Amino acid sequence: MVHYQTRLDTTFAALSDVTRRGVLEQLVGSDASITDLAERFHMTLTGMKKHVSVLEQAGLVITEKVGRVRTCRLGPHRLEEEAAWIEQHRQLWSARFDALDEVVAHLKRKEKAHVQGKGK
């Protein structure tokens, strides 16, 4: 369980930043060097390396150094566990909201009946 939570924490932390999500979107189309990514996002090379490192720790990106160029590509982590966790909680909240809708509908019917009873 602890490993599962750690992995979720690492993944969600990696995805919590708009730049890192943007990097993933860029890599869907094609691999890119860290230099190219830094230019696309108007960042320093050091800043982009930090973002790529976070994505790499989460398994979302793999880097390979050939000569002086470090190329990034999408990693093997496909977010199945995270999607399952989100779906489980979506179902829970959906059920809770459905139950709340029933309570509200019941109270509205009760209020309407009370108002109609007073009008007679």
Protein backbone atom coordinates (compact mmCIF):
# COMPACT_ATOMS: atom_id res chain seq x y z
CA MET A 1 0.00 0.00 0.00
CA VAL A 2 2.81 2.42 0.85
CA HIS A 3 4.48 1.85 -2.54
CA TYR A 4 1.14 2.47 -4.26
CA GLN A 5 0.63 5.77 -2.38
CA THR A 6 4.20 6.87 -3.04
CA ARG A 7 3.77 6.22 -6.74
CA LEU A 8 0.50 8.17 -6.81
CA ASP A 9 2.12 11.05 -4.92
CA THR A 10 5.09 11.10 -7.30
CA THR A 11 2.88 11.00 -10.40
CA PHE A 12 0.39 13.61 -9.23
CA ALA A 13 3.25 15.89 -8.10
CA ALA A 14 4.80 15.56 -11.55
CA LEU A 15 1.47 16.32 -13.25
CA SER A 16 0.67 19.23 -10.95
CA ASP A 17 2.83 21.64 -12.93
CA VAL A 18 1.60 23.21 -16.16
CA THR A 19 5.07 23.14 -17.74
CA ARG A 20 5.51 19.43 -17.05
CA ARG A 21 2.09 18.68 -18.51
CA GLY A 22 3.08 20.75 -21.54
CA VAL A 23 6.31 18.77 -21.91
CA LEU A 24 4.30 15.53 -21.95
CA GLU A 25 1.99 16.97 -24.61
CA GLN A 26 5.02 17.92 -26.71
CA LEU A 27 6.51 14.45 -26.37
CA VAL A 28 3.31 12.80 -27.58
CA GLY A 29 4.10 14.21 -31.03
CA SER A 30 7.81 13.43 -31.09
CA ASP A 31 10.92 13.06 -28.99
CA ALA A 32 12.74 16.29 -28.15
CA SER A 33 16.01 17.41 -26.66
CA ILE A 34 16.02 19.22 -23.35
CA THR A 35 17.39 22.24 -25.22
CA ASP A 36 14.45 22.19 -27.65
CA LEU A 37 11.98 21.89 -24.77
CA ALA A 38 13.64 24.75 -22.90
CA GLU A 39 13.33 26.96 -25.99
CA ARG A 40 9.69 26.01 -26.58
CA PHE A 41 8.78 26.90 -23.00
CA HIS A 42 11.04 29.98 -22.85
CA MET A 43 12.99 28.54 -19.93
CA THR A 44 16.59 28.15 -18.94
CA LEU A 45 18.23 24.83 -19.64
CA THR A 46 18.66 24.29 -15.89
CA GLY A 47 14.96 24.92 -15.25
CA MET A 48 13.91 22.48 -17.95
CA LYS A 49 16.35 19.84 -16.65
CA LYS A 50 14.63 20.07 -13.26
CA HIS A 51 11.19 19.59 -14.83
CA VAL A 52 12.40 16.65 -16.91
CA SER A 53 14.00 15.11 -13.81
CA VAL A 54 10.66 15.20 -11.97
CA LEU A 55 8.93 13.58 -14.96
CA GLU A 56 11.68 10.99 -15.17
CA GLN A 57 11.35 10.10 -11.46
CA ALA A 58 7.64 9.50 -12.05
CA GLY A 59 8.41 7.22 -15.01
CA LEU A 60 6.58 9.53 -17.39
CA VAL A 61 9.69 10.45 -19.39
CA ILE A 62 12.87 8.64 -20.34
CA THR A 63 16.00 10.51 -21.33
CA GLU A 64 18.96 9.28 -23.34
CA LYS A 65 22.23 11.11 -23.78
CA VAL A 66 23.98 10.80 -27.12
CA GLY A 67 27.08 12.92 -27.23
CA ARG A 68 26.16 16.29 -25.77
CA VAL A 69 22.44 16.00 -26.52
CA ARG A 70 19.97 14.60 -24.00
CA THR A 71 16.81 13.47 -25.78
CA CYS A 72 13.48 12.96 -24.00
CA ARG A 73 10.69 10.59 -24.95
CA LEU A 74 7.57 9.34 -23.23
CA GLY A 75 8.25 6.73 -20.59
CA PRO A 76 6.62 3.37 -19.96
CA HIS A 77 4.37 4.67 -17.17
CA ARG A 78 0.88 4.80 -18.70
CA LEU A 79 -1.08 6.06 -15.68
CA GLU A 80 -3.28 2.96 -15.31
CA GLU A 81 -3.06 2.97 -11.50
CA GLU A 82 -3.75 6.69 -11.33
CA ALA A 83 -6.73 6.38 -13.68
CA ALA A 84 -8.11 3.53 -11.54
CA TRP A 85 -7.68 5.62 -8.39
CA ILE A 86 -9.45 8.59 -10.00
CA GLU A 87 -12.27 6.36 -11.28
CA GLN A 88 -12.77 4.81 -7.84
CA HIS A 89 -13.09 8.25 -6.27
CA ARG A 90 -15.26 9.55 -9.12
CA GLN A 91 -17.71 6.71 -8.49
CA LEU A 92 -17.71 7.41 -4.76
CA TRP A 93 -18.42 11.11 -5.24
CA SER A 94 -20.97 10.42 -7.94
CA ALA A 95 -22.87 8.13 -5.57
CA ARG A 96 -22.71 10.77 -2.84
CA PHE A 97 -24.00 13.49 -5.15
CA ASP A 98 -26.80 11.19 -6.37
CA ALA A 99 -27.81 10.59 -2.74
CA LEU A 100 -27.72 14.34 -2.09
CA ASP A 101 -29.90 14.95 -5.15
CA GLU A 102 -32.45 12.49 -3.72
CA VAL A 103 -32.47 14.31 -0.36
CA VAL A 104 -32.93 17.68 -2.06
CA ALA A 105 -35.75 16.33 -4.26
CA HIS A 106 -37.44 14.81 -1.20
CA LEU A 107 -37.19 18.12 0.71
CA LYS A 108 -38.60 20.04 -2.27
CA ARG A 109 -41.57 17.65 -2.52
CA LYS A 110 -42.13 17.95 1.23
CA GLU A 111 -41.95 21.77 1.06
CA LYS A 112 -44.31 21.87 -1.92
CA ALA A 113 -46.81 19.64 -0.11
CA HIS A 114 -46.55 21.83 2.99
CA VAL A 115 -47.15 25.03 0.96
CA GLN A 116 -50.11 23.44 -0.83
CA GLY A 117 -51.56 22.28 2.49
CA LYS A 118 -51.47 25.78 3.90
CA GLY A 119 -53.18 27.23 0.81
CA LYS A 120 -56.37 25.27 1.43
